[in-house]
PDB file of N, CA and C in Angstrom:
ATOM      1  N   MET A   1     -43.938 -13.247  14.841  1.00  0.00           N
ATOM      2  CA  MET A   1     -42.536 -12.929  15.025  1.00  0.00           C
ATOM      3  C   MET A   1     -42.372 -11.663  15.843  1.00  0.00           C
ATOM      4  N   ASN A   2     -41.440 -11.702  16.697  1.00  0.00           N
ATOM      5  CA  ASN A   2     -41.161 -10.557  17.519  1.00  0.00           C
ATOM      6  C   ASN A   2     -39.998  -9.800  16.895  1.00  0.00           C
ATOM      7  N   THR A   3     -40.310  -8.779  16.095  1.00  0.00           N
ATOM      8  CA  THR A   3     -39.269  -8.037  15.403  1.00  0.00           C
ATOM      9  C   THR A   3     -38.423  -7.232  16.356  1.00  0.00           C
ATOM     10  N   ASP A   4     -38.991  -6.815  17.465  1.00  0.00           N
ATOM     11  CA  ASP A   4     -38.205  -6.055  18.443  1.00  0.00           C
ATOM     12  C   ASP A   4     -37.091  -6.905  19.039  1.00  0.00           C
ATOM     13  N   LYS A   5     -37.406  -8.141  19.255  1.00  0.00           N
ATOM     14  CA  LYS A   5     -36.404  -9.077  19.827  1.00  0.00           C
ATOM     15  C   LYS A   5     -35.254  -9.285  18.821  1.00  0.00           C
ATOM     16  N   ILE A   6     -35.612  -9.485  17.580  1.00  0.00           N
ATOM     17  CA  ILE A   6     -34.605  -9.690  16.525  1.00  0.00           C
ATOM     18  C   ILE A   6     -33.736  -8.459  16.377  1.00  0.00           C
ATOM     19  N   LEU A   7     -34.338  -7.291  16.378  1.00  0.00           N
ATOM     20  CA  LEU A   7     -33.602  -6.029  16.270  1.00  0.00           C
ATOM     21  C   LEU A   7     -32.664  -5.836  17.465  1.00  0.00           C
ATOM     22  N   ALA A   8     -33.169  -6.157  18.650  1.00  0.00           N
ATOM     23  CA  ALA A   8     -32.359  -6.010  19.860  1.00  0.00           C
ATOM     24  C   ALA A   8     -31.159  -6.947  19.822  1.00  0.00           C
ATOM     25  N   GLU A   9     -31.368  -8.182  19.340  1.00  0.00           N
ATOM     26  CA  GLU A   9     -30.266  -9.133  19.244  1.00  0.00           C
ATOM     27  C   GLU A   9     -29.233  -8.692  18.215  1.00  0.00           C
ATOM     28  N   ALA A  10     -29.698  -8.106  17.118  1.00  0.00           N
ATOM     29  CA  ALA A  10     -28.772  -7.624  16.088  1.00  0.00           C
ATOM     30  C   ALA A  10     -27.923  -6.485  16.599  1.00  0.00           C
ATOM     31  N   ILE A  11     -28.531  -5.559  17.329  1.00  0.00           N
ATOM     32  CA  ILE A  11     -27.787  -4.437  17.907  1.00  0.00           C
ATOM     33  C   ILE A  11     -26.811  -4.904  18.963  1.00  0.00           C
ATOM     34  N   ALA A  12     -27.249  -5.830  19.811  1.00  0.00           N
ATOM     35  CA  ALA A  12     -26.377  -6.363  20.856  1.00  0.00           C
ATOM     36  C   ALA A  12     -25.188  -7.115  20.261  1.00  0.00           C
ATOM     37  N   LYS A  13     -25.425  -7.763  19.142  1.00  0.00           N
ATOM     38  CA  LYS A  13     -24.341  -8.489  18.470  1.00  0.00           C
ATOM     39  C   LYS A  13     -23.220  -7.547  18.016  1.00  0.00           C
ATOM     40  N   ASP A  14     -23.587  -6.330  17.607  1.00  0.00           N
ATOM     41  CA  ASP A  14     -22.593  -5.343  17.210  1.00  0.00           C
ATOM     42  C   ASP A  14     -21.699  -4.921  18.352  1.00  0.00           C
ATOM     43  N   TYR A  15     -22.236  -4.911  19.564  1.00  0.00           N
ATOM     44  CA  TYR A  15     -21.504  -4.432  20.725  1.00  0.00           C
ATOM     45  C   TYR A  15     -20.851  -5.557  21.530  1.00  0.00           C
ATOM     46  N   ALA A  16     -21.143  -6.765  21.213  1.00  0.00           N
ATOM     47  CA  ALA A  16     -20.566  -7.902  21.913  1.00  0.00           C
ATOM     48  C   ALA A  16     -19.071  -8.018  21.584  1.00  0.00           C
ATOM     49  N   PRO A  17     -18.245  -8.456  22.509  1.00  0.00           N
ATOM     50  CA  PRO A  17     -16.821  -8.602  22.218  1.00  0.00           C
ATOM     51  C   PRO A  17     -16.599  -9.639  21.112  1.00  0.00           C
ATOM     52  N   LYS A  18     -15.746  -9.291  20.185  1.00  0.00           N
ATOM     53  CA  LYS A  18     -15.486 -10.159  19.065  1.00  0.00           C
ATOM     54  C   LYS A  18     -14.434 -11.188  19.469  1.00  0.00           C
ATOM     55  N   ASP A  19     -14.627 -12.410  19.024  1.00  0.00           N
ATOM     56  CA  ASP A  19     -13.622 -13.444  19.289  1.00  0.00           C
ATOM     57  C   ASP A  19     -12.530 -13.368  18.236  1.00  0.00           C
ATOM     58  N   ASN A  20     -11.318 -13.620  18.612  1.00  0.00           N
ATOM     59  CA  ASN A  20     -10.197 -13.600  17.713  1.00  0.00           C
ATOM     60  C   ASN A  20     -10.115 -14.927  16.991  1.00  0.00           C
ATOM     61  N   SER A  21     -10.884 -15.061  15.965  1.00  0.00           N
ATOM     62  CA  SER A  21     -10.897 -16.316  15.231  1.00  0.00           C
ATOM     63  C   SER A  21      -9.654 -16.420  14.362  1.00  0.00           C
ATOM     64  N   LYS A  22      -9.462 -17.585  13.834  1.00  0.00           N
ATOM     65  CA  LYS A  22      -8.280 -17.851  13.027  1.00  0.00           C
ATOM     66  C   LYS A  22      -8.341 -17.097  11.708  1.00  0.00           C
ATOM     67  N   ILE A  23      -9.550 -16.883  11.202  1.00  0.00           N
ATOM     68  CA  ILE A  23      -9.724 -16.144   9.937  1.00  0.00           C
ATOM     69  C   ILE A  23      -9.240 -14.691  10.142  1.00  0.00           C
ATOM     70  N   VAL A  24      -9.621 -14.070  11.257  1.00  0.00           N
ATOM     71  CA  VAL A  24      -9.200 -12.695  11.559  1.00  0.00           C
ATOM     72  C   VAL A  24      -7.711 -12.645  11.687  1.00  0.00           C
ATOM     73  N   ALA A  25      -7.115 -13.649  12.352  1.00  0.00           N
ATOM     74  CA  ALA A  25      -5.660 -13.695  12.486  1.00  0.00           C
ATOM     75  C   ALA A  25      -4.974 -13.855  11.152  1.00  0.00           C
ATOM     76  N   LEU A  26      -5.553 -14.661  10.281  1.00  0.00           N
ATOM     77  CA  LEU A  26      -5.001 -14.850   8.942  1.00  0.00           C
ATOM     78  C   LEU A  26      -5.051 -13.586   8.129  1.00  0.00           C
ATOM     79  N   LYS A  27      -6.156 -12.858   8.210  1.00  0.00           N
ATOM     80  CA  LYS A  27      -6.274 -11.597   7.493  1.00  0.00           C
ATOM     81  C   LYS A  27      -5.286 -10.568   8.031  1.00  0.00           C
ATOM     82  N   LYS A  28      -5.067 -10.565   9.337  1.00  0.00           N
ATOM     83  CA  LYS A  28      -4.097  -9.621   9.916  1.00  0.00           C
ATOM     84  C   LYS A  28      -2.692  -9.953   9.466  1.00  0.00           C
ATOM     85  N   LEU A  29      -2.347 -11.232   9.429  1.00  0.00           N
ATOM     86  CA  LEU A  29      -1.016 -11.624   8.946  1.00  0.00           C
ATOM     87  C   LEU A  29      -0.827 -11.289   7.488  1.00  0.00           C
ATOM     88  N   ASP A  30      -1.861 -11.485   6.699  1.00  0.00           N
ATOM     89  CA  ASP A  30      -1.795 -11.151   5.253  1.00  0.00           C
ATOM     90  C   ASP A  30      -1.593  -9.640   5.099  1.00  0.00           C
ATOM     91  N   ASN A  31      -2.325  -8.864   5.867  1.00  0.00           N
ATOM     92  CA  ASN A  31      -2.173  -7.421   5.813  1.00  0.00           C
ATOM     93  C   ASN A  31      -0.805  -6.971   6.272  1.00  0.00           C
ATOM     94  N   LYS A  32      -0.291  -7.638   7.304  1.00  0.00           N
ATOM     95  CA  LYS A  32       1.038  -7.333   7.842  1.00  0.00           C
ATOM     96  C   LYS A  32       2.116  -7.611   6.817  1.00  0.00           C
ATOM     97  N   ALA A  33       1.921  -8.595   5.983  1.00  0.00           N
ATOM     98  CA  ALA A  33       2.894  -8.930   4.942  1.00  0.00           C
ATOM     99  C   ALA A  33       2.834  -7.934   3.790  1.00  0.00           C
ATOM    100  N   LYS A  34       1.665  -7.414   3.461  1.00  0.00           N
ATOM    101  CA  LYS A  34       1.517  -6.563   2.283  1.00  0.00           C
ATOM    102  C   LYS A  34       1.562  -5.073   2.546  1.00  0.00           C
ATOM    103  N   LEU A  35       1.214  -4.639   3.757  1.00  0.00           N
ATOM    104  CA  LEU A  35       1.054  -3.223   4.038  1.00  0.00           C
ATOM    105  C   LEU A  35       2.364  -2.386   3.862  1.00  0.00           C
ATOM    106  N   PRO A  36       3.514  -2.846   4.352  1.00  0.00           N
ATOM    107  CA  PRO A  36       4.718  -1.996   4.178  1.00  0.00           C
ATOM    108  C   PRO A  36       5.055  -1.729   2.724  1.00  0.00           C
ATOM    109  N   ALA A  37       4.901  -2.735   1.868  1.00  0.00           N
ATOM    110  CA  ALA A  37       5.200  -2.543   0.455  1.00  0.00           C
ATOM    111  C   ALA A  37       4.219  -1.564  -0.160  1.00  0.00           C
ATOM    112  N   THR A  38       2.961  -1.654   0.215  1.00  0.00           N
ATOM    113  CA  THR A  38       1.937  -0.759  -0.345  1.00  0.00           C
ATOM    114  C   THR A  38       2.155   0.681   0.084  1.00  0.00           C
ATOM    115  N   ILE A  39       2.453   0.895   1.365  1.00  0.00           N
ATOM    116  CA  ILE A  39       2.692   2.229   1.853  1.00  0.00           C
ATOM    117  C   ILE A  39       3.923   2.846   1.180  1.00  0.00           C
ATOM    118  N   PHE A  40       4.999   2.094   1.092  1.00  0.00           N
ATOM    119  CA  PHE A  40       6.216   2.614   0.464  1.00  0.00           C
ATOM    120  C   PHE A  40       5.953   2.954  -0.993  1.00  0.00           C
ATOM    121  N   THR A  41       5.226   2.070  -1.703  1.00  0.00           N
ATOM    122  CA  THR A  41       5.013   2.284  -3.126  1.00  0.00           C
ATOM    123  C   THR A  41       4.160   3.545  -3.377  1.00  0.00           C
ATOM    124  N   TYR A  42       3.114   3.716  -2.607  1.00  0.00           N
ATOM    125  CA  TYR A  42       2.317   4.931  -2.764  1.00  0.00           C
ATOM    126  C   TYR A  42       3.134   6.176  -2.477  1.00  0.00           C
ATOM    127  N   SER A  43       3.875   6.158  -1.391  1.00  0.00           N
ATOM    128  CA  SER A  43       4.658   7.326  -1.004  1.00  0.00           C
ATOM    129  C   SER A  43       5.758   7.633  -2.052  1.00  0.00           C
ATOM    130  N   PHE A  44       6.468   6.609  -2.455  1.00  0.00           N
ATOM    131  CA  PHE A  44       7.534   6.794  -3.468  1.00  0.00           C
ATOM    132  C   PHE A  44       6.975   7.232  -4.780  1.00  0.00           C
ATOM    133  N   GLY A  45       5.818   6.700  -5.159  1.00  0.00           N
ATOM    134  CA  GLY A  45       5.185   7.089  -6.430  1.00  0.00           C
ATOM    135  C   GLY A  45       4.715   8.551  -6.420  1.00  0.00           C
ATOM    136  N   ILE A  46       4.175   8.976  -5.302  1.00  0.00           N
ATOM    137  CA  ILE A  46       3.718  10.370  -5.176  1.00  0.00           C
ATOM    138  C   ILE A  46       4.903  11.321  -5.271  1.00  0.00           C
ATOM    139  N   VAL A  47       5.980  10.996  -4.521  1.00  0.00           N
ATOM    140  CA  VAL A  47       7.150  11.837  -4.523  1.00  0.00           C
ATOM    141  C   VAL A  47       7.783  11.864  -5.913  1.00  0.00           C
ATOM    142  N   SER A  48       7.885  10.742  -6.584  1.00  0.00           N
ATOM    143  CA  SER A  48       8.456  10.669  -7.935  1.00  0.00           C
ATOM    144  C   SER A  48       7.632  11.480  -8.929  1.00  0.00           C
ATOM    145  N   SER A  49       6.310  11.420  -8.798  1.00  0.00           N
ATOM    146  CA  SER A  49       5.458  12.181  -9.684  1.00  0.00           C
ATOM    147  C   SER A  49       5.612  13.693  -9.474  1.00  0.00           C
ATOM    148  N   LEU A  50       5.736  14.074  -8.204  1.00  0.00           N
ATOM    149  CA  LEU A  50       5.949  15.483  -7.903  1.00  0.00           C
ATOM    150  C   LEU A  50       7.271  15.979  -8.434  1.00  0.00           C
ATOM    151  N   VAL A  51       8.320  15.128  -8.325  1.00  0.00           N
ATOM    152  CA  VAL A  51       9.636  15.509  -8.869  1.00  0.00           C
ATOM    153  C   VAL A  51       9.544  15.634 -10.369  1.00  0.00           C
ATOM    154  N   LEU A  52       8.857  14.709 -11.017  1.00  0.00           N
ATOM    155  CA  LEU A  52       8.665  14.787 -12.453  1.00  0.00           C
ATOM    156  C   LEU A  52       7.918  16.061 -12.859  1.00  0.00           C
ATOM    157  N   GLY A  53       6.879  16.372 -12.140  1.00  0.00           N
ATOM    158  CA  GLY A  53       6.125  17.610 -12.413  1.00  0.00           C
ATOM    159  C   GLY A  53       6.932  18.849 -12.221  1.00  0.00           C
ATOM    160  N   ALA A  54       7.760  18.879 -11.152  1.00  0.00           N
ATOM    161  CA  ALA A  54       8.613  20.046 -10.924  1.00  0.00           C
ATOM    162  C   ALA A  54       9.628  20.175 -12.036  1.00  0.00           C
ATOM    163  N   GLY A  55      10.159  19.062 -12.491  1.00  0.00           N
ATOM    164  CA  GLY A  55      11.108  19.082 -13.614  1.00  0.00           C
ATOM    165  C   GLY A  55      10.450  19.595 -14.877  1.00  0.00           C
ATOM    166  N   MET A  56       9.199  19.173 -15.128  1.00  0.00           N
ATOM    167  CA  MET A  56       8.493  19.676 -16.298  1.00  0.00           C
ATOM    168  C   MET A  56       8.232  21.166 -16.225  1.00  0.00           C
ATOM    169  N   CYS A  57       7.894  21.646 -15.006  1.00  0.00           N
ATOM    170  CA  CYS A  57       7.654  23.081 -14.840  1.00  0.00           C
ATOM    171  C   CYS A  57       8.929  23.877 -15.084  1.00  0.00           C
ATOM    172  N   LEU A  58      10.026  23.372 -14.589  1.00  0.00           N
ATOM    173  CA  LEU A  58      11.311  24.046 -14.796  1.00  0.00           C
ATOM    174  C   LEU A  58      11.705  23.997 -16.261  1.00  0.00           C
ATOM    175  N   ALA A  59      11.530  22.849 -16.901  1.00  0.00           N
ATOM    176  CA  ALA A  59      11.913  22.715 -18.317  1.00  0.00           C
ATOM    177  C   ALA A  59      11.074  23.618 -19.242  1.00  0.00           C
ATOM    178  N   MET A  60       9.781  23.764 -18.910  1.00  0.00           N
ATOM    179  CA  MET A  60       8.929  24.618 -19.730  1.00  0.00           C
ATOM    180  C   MET A  60       8.947  26.059 -19.271  1.00  0.00           C
ATOM    181  N   GLN A  61       9.779  26.350 -18.295  1.00  0.00           N
ATOM    182  CA  GLN A  61      10.007  27.680 -17.748  1.00  0.00           C
ATOM    183  C   GLN A  61       8.751  28.293 -17.156  1.00  0.00           C
ATOM    184  N   VAL A  62       7.909  27.458 -16.598  1.00  0.00           N
ATOM    185  CA  VAL A  62       6.787  27.953 -15.829  1.00  0.00           C
ATOM    186  C   VAL A  62       7.317  28.487 -14.492  1.00  0.00           C
ATOM    187  N   ILE A  63       8.317  27.771 -13.976  1.00  0.00           N
ATOM    188  CA  ILE A  63       9.055  28.162 -12.792  1.00  0.00           C
ATOM    189  C   ILE A  63      10.474  28.474 -13.254  1.00  0.00           C
ATOM    190  N   GLY A  64      10.998  29.612 -12.918  1.00  0.00           N
ATOM    191  CA  GLY A  64      12.375  29.943 -13.327  1.00  0.00           C
ATOM    192  C   GLY A  64      12.422  30.372 -14.770  1.00  0.00           C
ATOM    193  N   SER A  65      13.627  30.686 -15.189  1.00  0.00           N
ATOM    194  CA  SER A  65      13.794  31.118 -16.570  1.00  0.00           C
ATOM    195  C   SER A  65      15.243  30.879 -16.992  1.00  0.00           C
ATOM    196  N   GLY A  66      15.454  30.948 -18.273  1.00  0.00           N
ATOM    197  CA  GLY A  66      16.820  30.823 -18.815  1.00  0.00           C
ATOM    198  C   GLY A  66      17.150  29.392 -19.169  1.00  0.00           C
ATOM    199  N   LEU A  67      18.310  29.285 -19.844  1.00  0.00           N
ATOM    200  CA  LEU A  67      18.777  27.988 -20.322  1.00  0.00           C
ATOM    201  C   LEU A  67      19.151  27.074 -19.158  1.00  0.00           C
ATOM    202  N   ALA A  68      19.726  27.635 -18.110  1.00  0.00           N
ATOM    203  CA  ALA A  68      20.136  26.841 -16.947  1.00  0.00           C
ATOM    204  C   ALA A  68      18.914  26.210 -16.275  1.00  0.00           C
ATOM    205  N   GLY A  69      17.851  26.965 -16.165  1.00  0.00           N
ATOM    206  CA  GLY A  69      16.617  26.443 -15.583  1.00  0.00           C
ATOM    207  C   GLY A  69      16.021  25.297 -16.397  1.00  0.00           C
ATOM    208  N   MET A  70      16.138  25.435 -17.711  1.00  0.00           N
ATOM    209  CA  MET A  70      15.612  24.387 -18.577  1.00  0.00           C
ATOM    210  C   MET A  70      16.456  23.126 -18.421  1.00  0.00           C
ATOM    211  N   VAL A  71      17.762  23.247 -18.386  1.00  0.00           N
ATOM    212  CA  VAL A  71      18.633  22.066 -18.223  1.00  0.00           C
ATOM    213  C   VAL A  71      18.389  21.396 -16.891  1.00  0.00           C
ATOM    214  N   VAL A  72      18.297  22.194 -15.841  1.00  0.00           N
ATOM    215  CA  VAL A  72      18.011  21.638 -14.517  1.00  0.00           C
ATOM    216  C   VAL A  72      16.644  20.941 -14.519  1.00  0.00           C
ATOM    217  N   GLY A  73      15.671  21.539 -15.187  1.00  0.00           N
ATOM    218  CA  GLY A  73      14.349  20.968 -15.274  1.00  0.00           C
ATOM    219  C   GLY A  73      14.364  19.611 -15.990  1.00  0.00           C
ATOM    220  N   ILE A  74      15.134  19.507 -17.044  1.00  0.00           N
ATOM    221  CA  ILE A  74      15.231  18.253 -17.777  1.00  0.00           C
ATOM    222  C   ILE A  74      15.875  17.180 -16.906  1.00  0.00           C
ATOM    223  N   ILE A  75      16.917  17.550 -16.195  1.00  0.00           N
ATOM    224  CA  ILE A  75      17.595  16.602 -15.305  1.00  0.00           C
ATOM    225  C   ILE A  75      16.662  16.150 -14.191  1.00  0.00           C
ATOM    226  N   VAL A  76      15.960  17.095 -13.550  1.00  0.00           N
ATOM    227  CA  VAL A  76      15.020  16.760 -12.481  1.00  0.00           C
ATOM    228  C   VAL A  76      13.877  15.925 -13.039  1.00  0.00           C
ATOM    229  N   GLY A  77      13.396  16.213 -14.234  1.00  0.00           N
ATOM    230  CA  GLY A  77      12.341  15.430 -14.842  1.00  0.00           C
ATOM    231  C   GLY A  77      12.772  14.009 -15.124  1.00  0.00           C
ATOM    232  N   ILE A  78      14.005  13.836 -15.588  1.00  0.00           N
ATOM    233  CA  ILE A  78      14.540  12.476 -15.848  1.00  0.00           C
ATOM    234  C   ILE A  78      14.623  11.697 -14.534  1.00  0.00           C
ATOM    235  N   ILE A  79      15.036  12.361 -13.463  1.00  0.00           N
ATOM    236  CA  ILE A  79      15.075  11.700 -12.160  1.00  0.00           C
ATOM    237  C   ILE A  79      13.684  11.244 -11.752  1.00  0.00           C
ATOM    238  N   GLY A  80      12.676  12.113 -11.987  1.00  0.00           N
ATOM    239  CA  GLY A  80      11.310  11.738 -11.667  1.00  0.00           C
ATOM    240  C   GLY A  80      10.785  10.588 -12.499  1.00  0.00           C
ATOM    241  N   ILE A  81      11.174  10.547 -13.790  1.00  0.00           N
ATOM    242  CA  ILE A  81      10.773   9.471 -14.678  1.00  0.00           C
ATOM    243  C   ILE A  81      11.381   8.159 -14.213  1.00  0.00           C
ATOM    244  N   ILE A  82      12.665   8.209 -13.834  1.00  0.00           N
ATOM    245  CA  ILE A  82      13.339   7.021 -13.348  1.00  0.00           C
ATOM    246  C   ILE A  82      12.640   6.515 -12.085  1.00  0.00           C
ATOM    247  N   GLY A  83      12.334   7.440 -11.183  1.00  0.00           N
ATOM    248  CA  GLY A  83      11.626   7.049  -9.953  1.00  0.00           C
ATOM    249  C   GLY A  83      10.276   6.381 -10.232  1.00  0.00           C
ATOM    250  N   CYS A  84       9.522   6.932 -11.164  1.00  0.00           N
ATOM    251  CA  CYS A  84       8.227   6.339 -11.530  1.00  0.00           C
ATOM    252  C   CYS A  84       8.433   4.984 -12.187  1.00  0.00           C
ATOM    253  N   GLY A  85       9.507   4.859 -12.953  1.00  0.00           N
ATOM    254  CA  GLY A  85       9.758   3.613 -13.668  1.00  0.00           C
ATOM    255  C   GLY A  85      10.163   2.474 -12.753  1.00  0.00           C
ATOM    256  N   ILE A  86      10.912   2.772 -11.685  1.00  0.00           N
ATOM    257  CA  ILE A  86      11.369   1.706 -10.810  1.00  0.00           C
ATOM    258  C   ILE A  86      10.394   1.446  -9.662  1.00  0.00           C
ATOM    259  N   ASN A  87       9.339   2.192  -9.584  1.00  0.00           N
ATOM    260  CA  ASN A  87       8.391   2.039  -8.476  1.00  0.00           C
ATOM    261  C   ASN A  87       7.756   0.648  -8.462  1.00  0.00           C
ATOM    262  N   TYR A  88       7.274   0.171  -9.576  1.00  0.00           N
ATOM    263  CA  TYR A  88       6.600  -1.133  -9.597  1.00  0.00           C
ATOM    264  C   TYR A  88       7.561  -2.290  -9.308  1.00  0.00           C
ATOM    265  N   PRO A  89       8.760  -2.305  -9.921  1.00  0.00           N
ATOM    266  CA  PRO A  89       9.695  -3.393  -9.545  1.00  0.00           C
ATOM    267  C   PRO A  89      10.080  -3.345  -8.070  1.00  0.00           C
ATOM    268  N   LEU A  90      10.208  -2.168  -7.498  1.00  0.00           N
ATOM    269  CA  LEU A  90      10.481  -2.074  -6.057  1.00  0.00           C
ATOM    270  C   LEU A  90       9.308  -2.635  -5.247  1.00  0.00           C
ATOM    271  N   TYR A  91       8.100  -2.350  -5.685  1.00  0.00           N
ATOM    272  CA  TYR A  91       6.923  -2.893  -5.012  1.00  0.00           C
ATOM    273  C   TYR A  91       6.906  -4.404  -5.043  1.00  0.00           C
ATOM    274  N   LYS A  92       7.183  -4.973  -6.222  1.00  0.00           N
ATOM    275  CA  LYS A  92       7.164  -6.424  -6.331  1.00  0.00           C
ATOM    276  C   LYS A  92       8.217  -7.064  -5.450  1.00  0.00           C
ATOM    277  N   ARG A  93       9.413  -6.470  -5.389  1.00  0.00           N
ATOM    278  CA  ARG A  93      10.483  -7.029  -4.576  1.00  0.00           C
ATOM    279  C   ARG A  93      10.155  -6.939  -3.087  1.00  0.00           C
ATOM    280  N   MET A  94       9.597  -5.781  -2.660  1.00  0.00           N
ATOM    281  CA  MET A  94       9.239  -5.618  -1.253  1.00  0.00           C
ATOM    282  C   MET A  94       8.080  -6.548  -0.888  1.00  0.00           C
ATOM    283  N   LEU A  95       7.138  -6.739  -1.778  1.00  0.00           N
ATOM    284  CA  LEU A  95       6.027  -7.631  -1.525  1.00  0.00           C
ATOM    285  C   LEU A  95       6.496  -9.080  -1.377  1.00  0.00           C
ATOM    286  N   GLU A  96       7.412  -9.492  -2.232  1.00  0.00           N
ATOM    287  CA  GLU A  96       7.968 -10.834  -2.136  1.00  0.00           C
ATOM    288  C   GLU A  96       8.674 -11.052  -0.802  1.00  0.00           C
ATOM    289  N   LYS A  97       9.448 -10.068  -0.370  1.00  0.00           N
ATOM    290  CA  LYS A  97      10.132 -10.175   0.922  1.00  0.00           C
ATOM    291  C   LYS A  97       9.133 -10.239   2.084  1.00  0.00           C
ATOM    292  N   GLY A  98       8.086  -9.434   2.034  1.00  0.00           N
ATOM    293  CA  GLY A  98       7.064  -9.464   3.084  1.00  0.00           C
ATOM    294  C   GLY A  98       6.348 -10.786   3.119  1.00  0.00           C
ATOM    295  N   LYS A  99       6.015 -11.311   1.938  1.00  0.00           N
ATOM    296  CA  LYS A  99       5.336 -12.609   1.875  1.00  0.00           C
ATOM    297  C   LYS A  99       6.235 -13.720   2.373  1.00  0.00           C
ATOM    298  N   ALA A 100       7.518 -13.659   2.015  1.00  0.00           N
ATOM    299  CA  ALA A 100       8.468 -14.675   2.462  1.00  0.00           C
ATOM    300  C   ALA A 100       8.633 -14.648   3.970  1.00  0.00           C
ATOM    301  N   LYS A 101       8.600 -13.451   4.529  1.00  0.00           N
ATOM    302  CA  LYS A 101       8.791 -13.301   5.984  1.00  0.00           C
ATOM    303  C   LYS A 101       7.647 -13.970   6.774  1.00  0.00           C
ATOM    304  N   TYR A 102       6.418 -13.846   6.277  1.00  0.00           N
ATOM    305  CA  TYR A 102       5.260 -14.362   7.000  1.00  0.00           C
ATOM    306  C   TYR A 102       4.670 -15.625   6.355  1.00  0.00           C
ATOM    307  N   ALA A 103       5.332 -16.172   5.368  1.00  0.00           N
ATOM    308  CA  ALA A 103       4.776 -17.313   4.617  1.00  0.00           C
ATOM    309  C   ALA A 103       4.514 -18.520   5.520  1.00  0.00           C
ATOM    310  N   TYR A 104       5.465 -18.864   6.358  1.00  0.00           N
ATOM    311  CA  TYR A 104       5.296 -20.048   7.179  1.00  0.00           C
ATOM    312  C   TYR A 104       4.093 -19.908   8.111  1.00  0.00           C
ATOM    313  N   GLU A 105       3.969 -18.787   8.779  1.00  0.00           N
ATOM    314  CA  GLU A 105       2.866 -18.560   9.719  1.00  0.00           C
ATOM    315  C   GLU A 105       1.510 -18.574   8.982  1.00  0.00           C
ATOM    316  N   ILE A 106       1.462 -17.933   7.830  1.00  0.00           N
ATOM    317  CA  ILE A 106       0.206 -17.865   7.059  1.00  0.00           C
ATOM    318  C   ILE A 106      -0.195 -19.251   6.567  1.00  0.00           C
ATOM    319  N   VAL A 107       0.762 -20.007   6.046  1.00  0.00           N
ATOM    320  CA  VAL A 107       0.449 -21.339   5.540  1.00  0.00           C
ATOM    321  C   VAL A 107      -0.004 -22.273   6.669  1.00  0.00           C
ATOM    322  N   GLU A 108       0.672 -22.190   7.824  1.00  0.00           N
ATOM    323  CA  GLU A 108       0.277 -23.032   8.949  1.00  0.00           C
ATOM    324  C   GLU A 108      -1.138 -22.681   9.444  1.00  0.00           C
ATOM    325  N   LEU A 109      -1.427 -21.406   9.546  1.00  0.00           N
ATOM    326  CA  LEU A 109      -2.751 -20.962   9.992  1.00  0.00           C
ATOM    327  C   LEU A 109      -3.798 -21.348   8.961  1.00  0.00           C
ATOM    328  N   ALA A 110      -3.515 -21.223   7.671  1.00  0.00           N
ATOM    329  CA  ALA A 110      -4.466 -21.611   6.639  1.00  0.00           C
ATOM    330  C   ALA A 110      -4.702 -23.104   6.660  1.00  0.00           C
ATOM    331  N   ARG A 111      -3.657 -23.861   6.931  1.00  0.00           N
ATOM    332  CA  ARG A 111      -3.793 -25.308   7.014  1.00  0.00           C
ATOM    333  C   ARG A 111      -4.694 -25.687   8.193  1.00  0.00           C
ATOM    334  N   GLN A 112      -4.498 -25.021   9.339  1.00  0.00           N
ATOM    335  CA  GLN A 112      -5.344 -25.287  10.498  1.00  0.00           C
ATOM    336  C   GLN A 112      -6.795 -24.952  10.235  1.00  0.00           C
ATOM    337  N   ILE A 113      -7.039 -23.863   9.534  1.00  0.00           N
ATOM    338  CA  ILE A 113      -8.419 -23.478   9.189  1.00  0.00           C
ATOM    339  C   ILE A 113      -9.057 -24.492   8.256  1.00  0.00           C
ATOM    340  N   SER A 114      -8.312 -24.944   7.278  1.00  0.00           N
ATOM    341  CA  SER A 114      -8.873 -25.880   6.299  1.00  0.00           C
ATOM    342  C   SER A 114      -9.127 -27.258   6.913  1.00  0.00           C
ATOM    343  N   GLU A 115      -8.412 -27.611   7.945  1.00  0.00           N
ATOM    344  CA  GLU A 115      -8.584 -28.923   8.575  1.00  0.00           C
ATOM    345  C   GLU A 115      -9.788 -28.947   9.547  1.00  0.00           C
ATOM    346  N   GLU A 116     -10.271 -27.795   9.938  1.00  0.00           N
ATOM    347  CA  GLU A 116     -11.398 -27.745  10.891  1.00  0.00           C
ATOM    348  C   GLU A 116     -12.682 -28.080  10.216  1.00  0.00           C
TER     349      GLU A 116
END
């Protein structure tokens, strides 16, 4: 066996232009349907958690002082809790809309792949 030849072919295969197969197109469409919901959910969840943490700091008087700071902290914390609570239902709704938008194209492409 010529191992040099096998190694050279393996390296050349990495640099050869990739064909846009139907599987790659299907994965791209699937990602296109799911990515906006995922990005929004992570961003909204991070912001909601930070708001909740800021509210906790205000309520425990780590930041600020006095009764007014505590009341503001409780209100800000409740807003953060609500944001964290609605994050998953928002994700599910956005994901359903994304899937519905690309469903026809994905199903047709999957059907074409399965018939080959």
